[in-house]
PDB file of N, CA and C in Angstrom:
ATOM      1  N   MET A   1      99.142 106.382  90.781  1.00  0.00           N
ATOM      2  CA  MET A   1     100.313 106.175  91.601  1.00  0.00           C
ATOM      3  C   MET A   1     101.435 105.634  90.727  1.00  0.00           C
ATOM      4  N   GLU A   2     102.673 106.083  91.004  1.00  0.00           N
ATOM      5  CA  GLU A   2     103.809 105.639  90.215  1.00  0.00           C
ATOM      6  C   GLU A   2     104.050 104.145  90.383  1.00  0.00           C
ATOM      7  N   ALA A   3     104.622 103.532  89.358  1.00  0.00           N
ATOM      8  CA  ALA A   3     104.952 102.109  89.446  1.00  0.00           C
ATOM      9  C   ALA A   3     105.917 101.888  90.597  1.00  0.00           C
ATOM     10  N   GLY A   4     105.702 100.848  91.367  1.00  0.00           N
ATOM     11  CA  GLY A   4     106.588 100.522  92.472  1.00  0.00           C
ATOM     12  C   GLY A   4     106.285 101.256  93.767  1.00  0.00           C
ATOM     13  N   LYS A   5     105.298 102.159  93.768  1.00  0.00           N
ATOM     14  CA  LYS A   5     104.950 102.889  94.978  1.00  0.00           C
ATOM     15  C   LYS A   5     103.614 102.403  95.518  1.00  0.00           C
ATOM     16  N   MET A   6     103.555 102.246  96.844  1.00  0.00           N
ATOM     17  CA  MET A   6     102.331 101.837  97.513  1.00  0.00           C
ATOM     18  C   MET A   6     102.176 102.698  98.758  1.00  0.00           C
ATOM     19  N   ASP A   7     100.963 102.817  99.252  1.00  0.00           N
ATOM     20  CA  ASP A   7     100.723 103.554 100.483  1.00  0.00           C
ATOM     21  C   ASP A   7     100.627 102.607 101.663  1.00  0.00           C
ATOM     22  N   ALA A   8     100.988 103.130 102.818  1.00  0.00           N
ATOM     23  CA  ALA A   8     100.836 102.424 104.080  1.00  0.00           C
ATOM     24  C   ALA A   8     100.285 103.442 105.072  1.00  0.00           C
ATOM     25  N   ILE A   9      99.276 103.063 105.828  1.00  0.00           N
ATOM     26  CA  ILE A   9      98.665 103.964 106.795  1.00  0.00           C
ATOM     27  C   ILE A   9      98.744 103.313 108.170  1.00  0.00           C
ATOM     28  N   PHE A  10      99.259 104.073 109.141  1.00  0.00           N
ATOM     29  CA  PHE A  10      99.396 103.576 110.502  1.00  0.00           C
ATOM     30  C   PHE A  10      98.668 104.500 111.459  1.00  0.00           C
ATOM     31  N   LYS A  11      98.066 103.901 112.475  1.00  0.00           N
ATOM     32  CA  LYS A  11      97.377 104.663 113.513  1.00  0.00           C
ATOM     33  C   LYS A  11      98.314 104.822 114.701  1.00  0.00           C
ATOM     34  N   GLY A  12      98.547 106.066 115.100  1.00  0.00           N
ATOM     35  CA  GLY A  12      99.400 106.331 116.245  1.00  0.00           C
ATOM     36  C   GLY A  12      98.668 106.128 117.552  1.00  0.00           C
ATOM     37  N   ILE A  13      99.406 106.189 118.651  1.00  0.00           N
ATOM     38  CA  ILE A  13      98.797 106.024 119.968  1.00  0.00           C
ATOM     39  C   ILE A  13      97.817 107.157 120.260  1.00  0.00           C
ATOM     40  N   SER A  14      97.980 108.291 119.575  1.00  0.00           N
ATOM     41  CA  SER A  14      97.080 109.434 119.739  1.00  0.00           C
ATOM     42  C   SER A  14      95.736 109.211 119.056  1.00  0.00           C
ATOM     43  N   GLY A  15      95.667 108.194 118.184  1.00  0.00           N
ATOM     44  CA  GLY A  15      94.466 107.953 117.393  1.00  0.00           C
ATOM     45  C   GLY A  15      94.557 108.571 116.003  1.00  0.00           C
ATOM     46  N   GLN A  16      95.585 109.372 115.768  1.00  0.00           N
ATOM     47  CA  GLN A  16      95.777 110.010 114.463  1.00  0.00           C
ATOM     48  C   GLN A  16      96.382 109.008 113.483  1.00  0.00           C
ATOM     49  N   TYR A  17      95.964 109.115 112.213  1.00  0.00           N
ATOM     50  CA  TYR A  17      96.491 108.258 111.149  1.00  0.00           C
ATOM     51  C   TYR A  17      97.605 108.988 110.408  1.00  0.00           C
ATOM     52  N   HIS A  18      98.627 108.224 110.016  1.00  0.00           N
ATOM     53  CA  HIS A  18      99.779 108.770 109.301  1.00  0.00           C
ATOM     54  C   HIS A  18      99.993 107.951 108.036  1.00  0.00           C
ATOM     55  N   ARG A  19     100.072 108.618 106.898  1.00  0.00           N
ATOM     56  CA  ARG A  19     100.234 107.949 105.597  1.00  0.00           C
ATOM     57  C   ARG A  19     101.704 107.961 105.177  1.00  0.00           C
ATOM     58  N   PHE A  20     102.179 106.797 104.804  1.00  0.00           N
ATOM     59  CA  PHE A  20     103.547 106.621 104.310  1.00  0.00           C
ATOM     60  C   PHE A  20     103.496 106.112 102.878  1.00  0.00           C
ATOM     61  N   THR A  21     104.559 106.338 102.149  1.00  0.00           N
ATOM     62  CA  THR A  21     104.746 105.756 100.821  1.00  0.00           C
ATOM     63  C   THR A  21     105.768 104.639 100.949  1.00  0.00           C
ATOM     64  N   ALA A  22     105.447 103.471 100.438  1.00  0.00           N
ATOM     65  CA  ALA A  22     106.345 102.318 100.495  1.00  0.00           C
ATOM     66  C   ALA A  22     107.177 102.267  99.221  1.00  0.00           C
ATOM     67  N   LEU A  23     108.499 102.226  99.400  1.00  0.00           N
ATOM     68  CA  LEU A  23     109.430 102.166  98.268  1.00  0.00           C
ATOM     69  C   LEU A  23     110.364 100.975  98.419  1.00  0.00           C
ATOM     70  N   ARG A  24     110.750 100.407  97.301  1.00  0.00           N
ATOM     71  CA  ARG A  24     111.776  99.363  97.309  1.00  0.00           C
ATOM     72  C   ARG A  24     113.085 100.020  97.752  1.00  0.00           C
ATOM     73  N   PRO A  25     113.975  99.281  98.379  1.00  0.00           N
ATOM     74  CA  PRO A  25     115.225  99.878  98.854  1.00  0.00           C
ATOM     75  C   PRO A  25     116.133 100.403  97.747  1.00  0.00           C
ATOM     76  N   ASP A  26     115.939  99.938  96.522  1.00  0.00           N
ATOM     77  CA  ASP A  26     116.759 100.428  95.412  1.00  0.00           C
ATOM     78  C   ASP A  26     116.122 101.627  94.699  1.00  0.00           C
ATOM     79  N   ALA A  27     114.997 102.115  95.202  1.00  0.00           N
ATOM     80  CA  ALA A  27     114.329 103.277  94.599  1.00  0.00           C
ATOM     81  C   ALA A  27     115.109 104.553  94.914  1.00  0.00           C
ATOM     82  N   GLU A  28     114.918 105.558  94.093  1.00  0.00           N
ATOM     83  CA  GLU A  28     115.530 106.860  94.368  1.00  0.00           C
ATOM     84  C   GLU A  28     114.805 107.494  95.548  1.00  0.00           C
ATOM     85  N   LEU A  29     115.568 107.859  96.561  1.00  0.00           N
ATOM     86  CA  LEU A  29     115.001 108.441  97.780  1.00  0.00           C
ATOM     87  C   LEU A  29     115.109 109.959  97.733  1.00  0.00           C
ATOM     88  N   PRO A  30     114.147 110.658  98.298  1.00  0.00           N
ATOM     89  CA  PRO A  30     114.178 112.118  98.261  1.00  0.00           C
ATOM     90  C   PRO A  30     115.232 112.698  99.199  1.00  0.00           C
ATOM     91  N   ALA A  31     115.842 113.791  98.787  1.00  0.00           N
ATOM     92  CA  ALA A  31     116.802 114.513  99.627  1.00  0.00           C
ATOM     93  C   ALA A  31     116.018 115.551 100.425  1.00  0.00           C
ATOM     94  N   GLN A  32     115.154 115.072 101.301  1.00  0.00           N
ATOM     95  CA  GLN A  32     114.341 115.950 102.137  1.00  0.00           C
ATOM     96  C   GLN A  32     114.130 115.290 103.485  1.00  0.00           C
ATOM     97  N   ALA A  33     113.626 116.049 104.412  1.00  0.00           N
ATOM     98  CA  ALA A  33     113.393 115.547 105.762  1.00  0.00           C
ATOM     99  C   ALA A  33     112.159 114.660 105.797  1.00  0.00           C
ATOM    100  N   GLY A  34     112.129 113.740 106.773  1.00  0.00           N
ATOM    101  CA  GLY A  34     110.958 112.903 106.913  1.00  0.00           C
ATOM    102  C   GLY A  34     111.114 111.850 107.992  1.00  0.00           C
ATOM    103  N   VAL A  35     110.055 111.081 108.153  1.00  0.00           N
ATOM    104  CA  VAL A  35     110.029 109.924 109.043  1.00  0.00           C
ATOM    105  C   VAL A  35     110.112 108.701 108.142  1.00  0.00           C
ATOM    106  N   TYR A  36     110.878 107.698 108.554  1.00  0.00           N
ATOM    107  CA  TYR A  36     111.027 106.501 107.723  1.00  0.00           C
ATOM    108  C   TYR A  36     110.910 105.249 108.580  1.00  0.00           C
ATOM    109  N   ALA A  37     110.579 104.158 107.923  1.00  0.00           N
ATOM    110  CA  ALA A  37     110.513 102.854 108.583  1.00  0.00           C
ATOM    111  C   ALA A  37     111.008 101.790 107.621  1.00  0.00           C
ATOM    112  N   PHE A  38     111.685 100.804 108.162  1.00  0.00           N
ATOM    113  CA  PHE A  38     112.020  99.599 107.413  1.00  0.00           C
ATOM    114  C   PHE A  38     110.911  98.607 107.744  1.00  0.00           C
ATOM    115  N   ALA A  39     110.283  98.043 106.720  1.00  0.00           N
ATOM    116  CA  ALA A  39     109.101  97.230 106.971  1.00  0.00           C
ATOM    117  C   ALA A  39     109.079  95.962 106.131  1.00  0.00           C
ATOM    118  N   ARG A  40     108.369  94.980 106.668  1.00  0.00           N
ATOM    119  CA  ARG A  40     108.108  93.737 105.933  1.00  0.00           C
ATOM    120  C   ARG A  40     106.609  93.639 105.715  1.00  0.00           C
ATOM    121  N   PRO A  41     106.194  92.919 104.675  1.00  0.00           N
ATOM    122  CA  PRO A  41     104.755  92.727 104.472  1.00  0.00           C
ATOM    123  C   PRO A  41     104.164  91.882 105.598  1.00  0.00           C
ATOM    124  N   LYS A  42     102.914  92.163 105.942  1.00  0.00           N
ATOM    125  CA  LYS A  42     102.201  91.314 106.905  1.00  0.00           C
ATOM    126  C   LYS A  42     102.038  89.926 106.311  1.00  0.00           C
ATOM    127  N   ALA A  43     101.858  88.936 107.164  1.00  0.00           N
ATOM    128  CA  ALA A  43     101.725  87.545 106.720  1.00  0.00           C
ATOM    129  C   ALA A  43     100.599  87.372 105.704  1.00  0.00           C
ATOM    130  N   ASP A  44      99.508  88.138 105.873  1.00  0.00           N
ATOM    131  CA  ASP A  44      98.375  88.013 104.943  1.00  0.00           C
ATOM    132  C   ASP A  44      98.571  88.847 103.676  1.00  0.00           C
ATOM    133  N   GLY A  45      99.701  89.581 103.614  1.00  0.00           N
ATOM    134  CA  GLY A  45      99.988  90.404 102.444  1.00  0.00           C
ATOM    135  C   GLY A  45      99.206  91.705 102.387  1.00  0.00           C
ATOM    136  N   LEU A  46      98.413  91.989 103.418  1.00  0.00           N
ATOM    137  CA  LEU A  46      97.573  93.191 103.438  1.00  0.00           C
ATOM    138  C   LEU A  46      98.087  94.185 104.466  1.00  0.00           C
ATOM    139  N   GLY A  47      99.181  94.827 104.162  1.00  0.00           N
ATOM    140  CA  GLY A  47      99.724  95.823 105.068  1.00  0.00           C
ATOM    141  C   GLY A  47     101.183  95.558 105.388  1.00  0.00           C
ATOM    142  N   TRP A  48     101.695  96.334 106.342  1.00  0.00           N
ATOM    143  CA  TRP A  48     103.110  96.339 106.653  1.00  0.00           C
ATOM    144  C   TRP A  48     103.362  96.194 108.143  1.00  0.00           C
ATOM    145  N   VAL A  49     104.499  95.599 108.464  1.00  0.00           N
ATOM    146  CA  VAL A  49     104.976  95.517 109.840  1.00  0.00           C
ATOM    147  C   VAL A  49     106.272  96.332 109.908  1.00  0.00           C
ATOM    148  N   PRO A  50     106.245  97.510 110.540  1.00  0.00           N
ATOM    149  CA  PRO A  50     107.479  98.286 110.690  1.00  0.00           C
ATOM    150  C   PRO A  50     108.436  97.581 111.656  1.00  0.00           C
ATOM    151  N   LEU A  51     109.668  97.427 111.242  1.00  0.00           N
ATOM    152  CA  LEU A  51     110.685  96.778 112.067  1.00  0.00           C
ATOM    153  C   LEU A  51     111.602  97.805 112.731  1.00  0.00           C
ATOM    154  N   PHE A  52     111.757  98.958 112.107  1.00  0.00           N
ATOM    155  CA  PHE A  52     112.567 100.053 112.643  1.00  0.00           C
ATOM    156  C   PHE A  52     111.942 101.347 112.152  1.00  0.00           C
ATOM    157  N   LEU A  53     111.859 102.351 113.028  1.00  0.00           N
ATOM    158  CA  LEU A  53     111.242 103.623 112.671  1.00  0.00           C
ATOM    159  C   LEU A  53     112.073 104.753 113.256  1.00  0.00           C
ATOM    160  N   SER A  54     112.309 105.794 112.454  1.00  0.00           N
ATOM    161  CA  SER A  54     113.064 106.949 112.918  1.00  0.00           C
ATOM    162  C   SER A  54     112.757 108.137 112.019  1.00  0.00           C
ATOM    163  N   ARG A  55     113.506 109.218 112.196  1.00  0.00           N
ATOM    164  CA  ARG A  55     113.327 110.416 111.361  1.00  0.00           C
ATOM    165  C   ARG A  55     114.701 110.940 110.972  1.00  0.00           C
ATOM    166  N   SER A  56     114.732 111.766 109.943  1.00  0.00           N
ATOM    167  CA  SER A  56     115.991 112.320 109.463  1.00  0.00           C
ATOM    168  C   SER A  56     115.747 113.668 108.801  1.00  0.00           C
ATOM    169  N   ALA A  57     116.745 114.532 108.865  1.00  0.00           N
ATOM    170  CA  ALA A  57     116.683 115.814 108.174  1.00  0.00           C
ATOM    171  C   ALA A  57     116.952 115.647 106.678  1.00  0.00           C
ATOM    172  N   ASP A  58     117.577 114.533 106.294  1.00  0.00           N
ATOM    173  CA  ASP A  58     117.868 114.253 104.884  1.00  0.00           C
ATOM    174  C   ASP A  58     117.744 112.745 104.660  1.00  0.00           C
ATOM    175  N   LEU A  59     116.589 112.322 104.184  1.00  0.00           N
ATOM    176  CA  LEU A  59     116.319 110.890 104.000  1.00  0.00           C
ATOM    177  C   LEU A  59     117.314 110.225 103.059  1.00  0.00           C
ATOM    178  N   GLN A  60     117.620 110.876 101.964  1.00  0.00           N
ATOM    179  CA  GLN A  60     118.521 110.283 100.978  1.00  0.00           C
ATOM    180  C   GLN A  60     119.888 109.987 101.601  1.00  0.00           C
ATOM    181  N   ARG A  61     120.446 110.957 102.282  1.00  0.00           N
ATOM    182  CA  ARG A  61     121.761 110.770 102.899  1.00  0.00           C
ATOM    183  C   ARG A  61     121.703 109.743 104.035  1.00  0.00           C
ATOM    184  N   ARG A  62     120.688 109.821 104.863  1.00  0.00           N
ATOM    185  CA  ARG A  62     120.588 108.934 106.032  1.00  0.00           C
ATOM    186  C   ARG A  62     120.383 107.479 105.627  1.00  0.00           C
ATOM    187  N   LEU A  63     119.613 107.261 104.575  1.00  0.00           N
ATOM    188  CA  LEU A  63     119.260 105.893 104.202  1.00  0.00           C
ATOM    189  C   LEU A  63     120.236 105.250 103.220  1.00  0.00           C
ATOM    190  N   LEU A  64     121.205 106.009 102.754  1.00  0.00           N
ATOM    191  CA  LEU A  64     122.156 105.490 101.771  1.00  0.00           C
ATOM    192  C   LEU A  64     122.844 104.217 102.259  1.00  0.00           C
ATOM    193  N   ARG A  65     123.348 104.236 103.474  1.00  0.00           N
ATOM    194  CA  ARG A  65     124.008 103.052 104.057  1.00  0.00           C
ATOM    195  C   ARG A  65     123.608 102.961 105.529  1.00  0.00           C
ATOM    196  N   HIS A  66     122.357 102.768 105.761  1.00  0.00           N
ATOM    197  CA  HIS A  66     121.837 102.772 107.130  1.00  0.00           C
ATOM    198  C   HIS A  66     122.330 101.553 107.895  1.00  0.00           C
ATOM    199  N   GLU A  67     122.778 101.770 109.131  1.00  0.00           N
ATOM    200  CA  GLU A  67     123.359 100.691 109.935  1.00  0.00           C
ATOM    201  C   GLU A  67     122.341  99.639 110.382  1.00  0.00           C
ATOM    202  N   ARG A  68     121.049  99.931 110.319  1.00  0.00           N
ATOM    203  CA  ARG A  68     120.043  98.950 110.745  1.00  0.00           C
ATOM    204  C   ARG A  68     119.375  98.222 109.571  1.00  0.00           C
ATOM    205  N   TRP A  69     119.663  98.625 108.327  1.00  0.00           N
ATOM    206  CA  TRP A  69     118.976  98.021 107.185  1.00  0.00           C
ATOM    207  C   TRP A  69     119.236  96.518 107.077  1.00  0.00           C
ATOM    208  N   GLU A  70     120.490  96.093 107.221  1.00  0.00           N
ATOM    209  CA  GLU A  70     120.804  94.674 107.053  1.00  0.00           C
ATOM    210  C   GLU A  70     120.077  93.834 108.100  1.00  0.00           C
ATOM    211  N   GLU A  71     120.049  94.317 109.328  1.00  0.00           N
ATOM    212  CA  GLU A  71     119.330  93.605 110.392  1.00  0.00           C
ATOM    213  C   GLU A  71     117.831  93.536 110.073  1.00  0.00           C
ATOM    214  N   ALA A  72     117.276  94.650 109.596  1.00  0.00           N
ATOM    215  CA  ALA A  72     115.860  94.667 109.218  1.00  0.00           C
ATOM    216  C   ALA A  72     115.603  93.710 108.055  1.00  0.00           C
ATOM    217  N   ARG A  73     116.501  93.701 107.088  1.00  0.00           N
ATOM    218  CA  ARG A  73     116.359  92.801 105.936  1.00  0.00           C
ATOM    219  C   ARG A  73     116.354  91.342 106.377  1.00  0.00           C
ATOM    220  N   LEU A  74     117.215  91.011 107.340  1.00  0.00           N
ATOM    221  CA  LEU A  74     117.256  89.639 107.853  1.00  0.00           C
ATOM    222  C   LEU A  74     115.959  89.263 108.576  1.00  0.00           C
ATOM    223  N   LEU A  75     115.232  90.267 109.058  1.00  0.00           N
ATOM    224  CA  LEU A  75     113.935  90.031 109.699  1.00  0.00           C
ATOM    225  C   LEU A  75     112.772  90.109 108.705  1.00  0.00           C
ATOM    226  N   GLY A  76     113.100  90.255 107.418  1.00  0.00           N
ATOM    227  CA  GLY A  76     112.071  90.225 106.388  1.00  0.00           C
ATOM    228  C   GLY A  76     111.738  91.552 105.734  1.00  0.00           C
ATOM    229  N   ALA A  77     112.446  92.634 106.094  1.00  0.00           N
ATOM    230  CA  ALA A  77     112.152  93.941 105.494  1.00  0.00           C
ATOM    231  C   ALA A  77     112.390  93.899 103.984  1.00  0.00           C
ATOM    232  N   THR A  78     111.412  94.412 103.260  1.00  0.00           N
ATOM    233  CA  THR A  78     111.509  94.476 101.802  1.00  0.00           C
ATOM    234  C   THR A  78     111.355  95.894 101.280  1.00  0.00           C
ATOM    235  N   HIS A  79     110.871  96.804 102.141  1.00  0.00           N
ATOM    236  CA  HIS A  79     110.576  98.172 101.711  1.00  0.00           C
ATOM    237  C   HIS A  79     110.984  99.195 102.757  1.00  0.00           C
ATOM    238  N   ILE A  80     111.152 100.422 102.273  1.00  0.00           N
ATOM    239  CA  ILE A  80     111.353 101.582 103.136  1.00  0.00           C
ATOM    240  C   ILE A  80     110.084 102.417 103.024  1.00  0.00           C
ATOM    241  N   LEU A  81     109.499 102.740 104.157  1.00  0.00           N
ATOM    242  CA  LEU A  81     108.282 103.551 104.185  1.00  0.00           C
ATOM    243  C   LEU A  81     108.664 104.982 104.524  1.00  0.00           C
ATOM    244  N   LEU A  82     108.132 105.949 103.766  1.00  0.00           N
ATOM    245  CA  LEU A  82     108.473 107.358 103.962  1.00  0.00           C
ATOM    246  C   LEU A  82     107.243 108.207 104.222  1.00  0.00           C
ATOM    247  N   HIS A  83     107.374 109.110 105.173  1.00  0.00           N
ATOM    248  CA  HIS A  83     106.353 110.119 105.496  1.00  0.00           C
ATOM    249  C   HIS A  83     107.119 111.429 105.574  1.00  0.00           C
ATOM    250  N   THR A  84     106.705 112.427 104.814  1.00  0.00           N
ATOM    251  CA  THR A  84     107.534 113.623 104.691  1.00  0.00           C
ATOM    252  C   THR A  84     106.826 114.924 105.074  1.00  0.00           C
ATOM    253  N   PRO A  85     106.459 115.075 106.348  1.00  0.00           N
ATOM    254  CA  PRO A  85     105.913 116.367 106.769  1.00  0.00           C
ATOM    255  C   PRO A  85     107.028 117.421 106.751  1.00  0.00           C
ATOM    256  N   ALA A  86     106.690 118.636 106.400  1.00  0.00           N
ATOM    257  CA  ALA A  86     107.691 119.687 106.248  1.00  0.00           C
ATOM    258  C   ALA A  86     108.262 120.164 107.585  1.00  0.00           C
ATOM    259  N   ALA A  87     107.422 120.324 108.579  1.00  0.00           N
ATOM    260  CA  ALA A  87     107.848 120.917 109.846  1.00  0.00           C
ATOM    261  C   ALA A  87     108.549 119.905 110.746  1.00  0.00           C
ATOM    262  N   ARG A  88     109.648 120.329 111.353  1.00  0.00           N
ATOM    263  CA  ARG A  88     110.405 119.458 112.254  1.00  0.00           C
ATOM    264  C   ARG A  88     109.531 118.973 113.416  1.00  0.00           C
ATOM    265  N   ASP A  89     108.747 119.862 114.002  1.00  0.00           N
ATOM    266  CA  ASP A  89     107.874 119.466 115.109  1.00  0.00           C
ATOM    267  C   ASP A  89     106.903 118.372 114.681  1.00  0.00           C
ATOM    268  N   ALA A  90     106.405 118.460 113.459  1.00  0.00           N
ATOM    269  CA  ALA A  90     105.475 117.447 112.952  1.00  0.00           C
ATOM    270  C   ALA A  90     106.177 116.099 112.812  1.00  0.00           C
ATOM    271  N   ARG A  91     107.407 116.108 112.326  1.00  0.00           N
ATOM    272  CA  ARG A  91     108.156 114.850 112.193  1.00  0.00           C
ATOM    273  C   ARG A  91     108.409 114.228 113.562  1.00  0.00           C
ATOM    274  N   GLU A  92     108.784 115.048 114.526  1.00  0.00           N
ATOM    275  CA  GLU A  92     109.029 114.541 115.877  1.00  0.00           C
ATOM    276  C   GLU A  92     107.752 113.962 116.485  1.00  0.00           C
ATOM    277  N   ALA A  93     106.637 114.636 116.263  1.00  0.00           N
ATOM    278  CA  ALA A  93     105.353 114.160 116.804  1.00  0.00           C
ATOM    279  C   ALA A  93     104.932 112.849 116.152  1.00  0.00           C
ATOM    280  N   VAL A  94     105.087 112.739 114.833  1.00  0.00           N
ATOM    281  CA  VAL A  94     104.731 111.501 114.129  1.00  0.00           C
ATOM    282  C   VAL A  94     105.607 110.353 114.626  1.00  0.00           C
ATOM    283  N   GLU A  95     106.901 110.601 114.746  1.00  0.00           N
ATOM    284  CA  GLU A  95     107.815 109.557 115.216  1.00  0.00           C
ATOM    285  C   GLU A  95     107.396 109.070 116.610  1.00  0.00           C
ATOM    286  N   ALA A  96     107.186 109.983 117.544  1.00  0.00           N
ATOM    287  CA  ALA A  96     106.808 109.595 118.910  1.00  0.00           C
ATOM    288  C   ALA A  96     105.460 108.883 118.936  1.00  0.00           C
ATOM    289  N   ASP A  97     104.500 109.384 118.165  1.00  0.00           N
ATOM    290  CA  ASP A  97     103.158 108.804 118.110  1.00  0.00           C
ATOM    291  C   ASP A  97     103.211 107.354 117.623  1.00  0.00           C
ATOM    292  N   LEU A  98     103.972 107.118 116.570  1.00  0.00           N
ATOM    293  CA  LEU A  98     104.033 105.774 115.999  1.00  0.00           C
ATOM    294  C   LEU A  98     104.941 104.828 116.780  1.00  0.00           C
ATOM    295  N   LEU A  99     106.030 105.338 117.342  1.00  0.00           N
ATOM    296  CA  LEU A  99     106.880 104.466 118.166  1.00  0.00           C
ATOM    297  C   LEU A  99     106.086 103.901 119.335  1.00  0.00           C
ATOM    298  N   ALA A 100     105.280 104.747 119.967  1.00  0.00           N
ATOM    299  CA  ALA A 100     104.483 104.296 121.113  1.00  0.00           C
ATOM    300  C   ALA A 100     103.413 103.293 120.700  1.00  0.00           C
ATOM    301  N   ALA A 101     102.839 103.475 119.513  1.00  0.00           N
ATOM    302  CA  ALA A 101     101.758 102.585 119.068  1.00  0.00           C
ATOM    303  C   ALA A 101     102.275 101.296 118.442  1.00  0.00           C
ATOM    304  N   LEU A 102     103.303 101.382 117.617  1.00  0.00           N
ATOM    305  CA  LEU A 102     103.748 100.235 116.827  1.00  0.00           C
ATOM    306  C   LEU A 102     104.856  99.415 117.472  1.00  0.00           C
ATOM    307  N   ARG A 103     105.667 100.048 118.275  1.00  0.00           N
ATOM    308  CA  ARG A 103     106.766  99.384 118.979  1.00  0.00           C
ATOM    309  C   ARG A 103     107.621  98.516 118.057  1.00  0.00           C
ATOM    310  N   PRO A 104     108.244  99.105 117.037  1.00  0.00           N
ATOM    311  CA  PRO A 104     109.065  98.307 116.118  1.00  0.00           C
ATOM    312  C   PRO A 104     110.177  97.565 116.866  1.00  0.00           C
ATOM    313  N   VAL A 105     110.356  96.312 116.531  1.00  0.00           N
ATOM    314  CA  VAL A 105     111.268  95.433 117.250  1.00  0.00           C
ATOM    315  C   VAL A 105     112.706  95.955 117.273  1.00  0.00           C
ATOM    316  N   LEU A 106     113.172  96.589 116.226  1.00  0.00           N
ATOM    317  CA  LEU A 106     114.556  97.058 116.175  1.00  0.00           C
ATOM    318  C   LEU A 106     114.766  98.399 116.877  1.00  0.00           C
ATOM    319  N   ASN A 107     113.704  99.009 117.367  1.00  0.00           N
ATOM    320  CA  ASN A 107     113.847 100.248 118.123  1.00  0.00           C
ATOM    321  C   ASN A 107     114.079  99.965 119.608  1.00  0.00           C
ATOM    322  N   GLY A 108     114.026  98.716 120.009  1.00  0.00           N
ATOM    323  CA  GLY A 108     114.323  98.362 121.385  1.00  0.00           C
ATOM    324  C   GLY A 108     113.102  98.354 122.282  1.00  0.00           C
ATOM    325  N   PRO A 109     113.343  98.151 123.597  1.00  0.00           N
ATOM    326  CA  PRO A 109     112.228  98.097 124.544  1.00  0.00           C
ATOM    327  C   PRO A 109     111.574  99.462 124.698  1.00  0.00           C
ATOM    328  N   PHE A 110     110.286  99.449 125.017  1.00  0.00           N
ATOM    329  CA  PHE A 110     109.527 100.688 125.111  1.00  0.00           C
ATOM    330  C   PHE A 110     108.887 100.849 126.466  1.00  0.00           C
ATOM    331  N   ASP A 111     108.811 102.089 126.890  1.00  0.00           N
ATOM    332  CA  ASP A 111     108.007 102.485 128.036  1.00  0.00           C
ATOM    333  C   ASP A 111     106.916 103.362 127.440  1.00  0.00           C
ATOM    334  N   ALA A 112     105.748 102.766 127.171  1.00  0.00           N
ATOM    335  CA  ALA A 112     104.672 103.486 126.480  1.00  0.00           C
ATOM    336  C   ALA A 112     104.299 104.765 127.204  1.00  0.00           C
ATOM    337  N   GLY A 113     104.309 104.759 128.533  1.00  0.00           N
ATOM    338  CA  GLY A 113     103.977 105.964 129.280  1.00  0.00           C
ATOM    339  C   GLY A 113     104.967 107.076 129.018  1.00  0.00           C
ATOM    340  N   ALA A 114     106.253 106.735 128.940  1.00  0.00           N
ATOM    341  CA  ALA A 114     107.275 107.749 128.680  1.00  0.00           C
ATOM    342  C   ALA A 114     107.132 108.298 127.272  1.00  0.00           C
ATOM    343  N   ALA A 115     106.799 107.450 126.309  1.00  0.00           N
ATOM    344  CA  ALA A 115     106.655 107.915 124.931  1.00  0.00           C
ATOM    345  C   ALA A 115     105.479 108.877 124.798  1.00  0.00           C
ATOM    346  N   VAL A 116     104.380 108.575 125.450  1.00  0.00           N
ATOM    347  CA  VAL A 116     103.219 109.458 125.391  1.00  0.00           C
ATOM    348  C   VAL A 116     103.534 110.758 126.105  1.00  0.00           C
ATOM    349  N   TYR A 117     104.203 110.671 127.242  1.00  0.00           N
ATOM    350  CA  TYR A 117     104.583 111.861 128.012  1.00  0.00           C
ATOM    351  C   TYR A 117     105.455 112.776 127.162  1.00  0.00           C
ATOM    352  N   SER A 118     106.462 112.206 126.501  1.00  0.00           N
ATOM    353  CA  SER A 118     107.348 112.990 125.649  1.00  0.00           C
ATOM    354  C   SER A 118     106.573 113.606 124.486  1.00  0.00           C
ATOM    355  N   PHE A 119     105.683 112.818 123.882  1.00  0.00           N
ATOM    356  CA  PHE A 119     104.887 113.302 122.751  1.00  0.00           C
ATOM    357  C   PHE A 119     103.998 114.457 123.177  1.00  0.00           C
ATOM    358  N   ALA A 120     103.385 114.344 124.355  1.00  0.00           N
ATOM    359  CA  ALA A 120     102.435 115.350 124.797  1.00  0.00           C
ATOM    360  C   ALA A 120     103.114 116.642 125.212  1.00  0.00           C
ATOM    361  N   LEU A 121     104.332 116.568 125.762  1.00  0.00           N
ATOM    362  CA  LEU A 121     104.968 117.766 126.293  1.00  0.00           C
ATOM    363  C   LEU A 121     105.902 118.478 125.321  1.00  0.00           C
ATOM    364  N   ARG A 122     106.304 117.861 124.254  1.00  0.00           N
ATOM    365  CA  ARG A 122     107.271 118.490 123.356  1.00  0.00           C
ATOM    366  C   ARG A 122     106.810 119.864 122.870  1.00  0.00           C
ATOM    367  N   PRO A 123     105.559 120.044 122.427  1.00  0.00           N
ATOM    368  CA  PRO A 123     105.155 121.368 121.966  1.00  0.00           C
ATOM    369  C   PRO A 123     105.233 122.429 123.075  1.00  0.00           C
ATOM    370  N   LEU A 124     104.925 122.061 124.313  1.00  0.00           N
ATOM    371  CA  LEU A 124     104.996 123.014 125.408  1.00  0.00           C
ATOM    372  C   LEU A 124     106.436 123.408 125.683  1.00  0.00           C
ATOM    373  N   ALA A 125     107.355 122.443 125.668  1.00  0.00           N
ATOM    374  CA  ALA A 125     108.747 122.732 125.910  1.00  0.00           C
ATOM    375  C   ALA A 125     109.312 123.619 124.803  1.00  0.00           C
ATOM    376  N   ALA A 126     108.927 123.370 123.563  1.00  0.00           N
ATOM    377  CA  ALA A 126     109.387 124.177 122.433  1.00  0.00           C
ATOM    378  C   ALA A 126     108.866 125.601 122.534  1.00  0.00           C
ATOM    379  N   ALA A 127     107.636 125.769 122.989  1.00  0.00           N
ATOM    380  CA  ALA A 127     107.043 127.091 123.107  1.00  0.00           C
ATOM    381  C   ALA A 127     107.723 127.905 124.201  1.00  0.00           C
ATOM    382  N   ALA A 128     108.181 127.238 125.263  1.00  0.00           N
ATOM    383  CA  ALA A 128     108.808 127.930 126.374  1.00  0.00           C
ATOM    384  C   ALA A 128     110.236 128.347 126.055  1.00  0.00           C
ATOM    385  N   ALA A 129     110.871 127.697 125.078  1.00  0.00           N
ATOM    386  CA  ALA A 129     112.275 127.980 124.746  1.00  0.00           C
ATOM    387  C   ALA A 129     112.457 129.294 124.043  1.00  0.00           C
TER     388      ALA A 129
END
């Protein structure tokens, strides 16, 4: 593994595991689509607490001056976690799966039932379009 890179694995509400790469905020970010999270280390130092989670079509451009980074930093964020599935549907599914399971504080209040409902029906709605 490259210097400065670490893995983070999160279990979604679906039971599926999603692997992220943890990068320092000053690291070079990829100009590709993906799911990202601003995270702080867990109190025991063994893992991460996502404070904000979202997705973007261009991580490098989106994260350059993100409007939530300073707030996340004030809550202890030290790293940006990246997951880069190629397909848009996969990114949307990962985002919904993890938002429902992790409930990052900066993403606001959650209705877990609505998140699961949206996650479960998105592929059907896309197929019908």
